[in-house]
Amino acid sequence: MESMPDHGEGIVKVLAINATYRPKQTTSQLTQSALNGAASLGAQTEMVLLQELDIQYCRNCLTCYQDLESDIAPCSIADDARGVLEKIKQADGVILASPVHSGFVTGLMTAFIERACFTMVRPTGRMLGMQGCPEPRLIDKARAVATIVSAGMIPPELRQYCDLGTPWLLEAAALIANGSPVGDMYACGLFPRQLKNEEWSKAFLLRELTAGQLQEAFDLGVKMATAIRDGQVKPYDPAAFLPPGLGA
């Protein structure tokens, strides 16, 4: 496998932001496997666990919204969010990872994304004939983005009824990081044996990751690093996230 050359001022950096509440469980295992995939091509990797940080709720003070010039707009809240946003700016690839809770991403991820908008985007874009729409602040380069979500017991063929978060999270990643998606992963609960009737009420506790799921995550990391290495990453394009038939 071809290794990765220096990118810009240094080696390629891939950042994962993980919104799990259980740092040693499936979401973290999948995310680490994706980072291992990127590292196999020589990328420098880092996982940020939001649970370990002080990430407060947005107060809707609009301090960030009123700053149209900064790469990362100021925020009235002094917590750890700014440090994570700085890491995004330094990264060449960004993975957002979350368990599936109530069919969506965790509240921790939602709170973080809310803090990132409008600190990482500015209201100067145009879409569907409207002005004042969000567009990326980080226009220095395009960044590869991907998402990983880990669900409970809903199989892939029923994903549409469980995973409402991935489309939202994938566009949020692209908008915040000024990038284009290289892929996304949905990992459902698989079991080493057929569950008995009384065990289905405990299915979340009995699920296990498979070697195939970990390999899929690893391959996603390889795909991200390859896209960065080969210059295949494009800036954020709002049209890519619109329903068919609509234009930006």
Foldseek 3Di string as FASTA:
>chain_A
DAAFDADPPGAAEEEEEEAEPDCPDDQVLLQVLLQVLLCVNPYHYDYHYLNVWDQDAAPPPCQQAVDPQDQFGDGPDPICLVVVLVVLLVHQAYEYEAEFDQLAGDPSVVRSLNVLVPRQWYQADDFLRDGRHTAGSSPVDAHEYEYEYEYEADDPVCSVVRHPHRLVVQLSSQRRSFKHYLYYYYHYFDAPDDDDPVCVVVRRVGGDDDPVSSVVSSVSSNSRSVCSRVVVMHTDDVQVSDDPPGGD
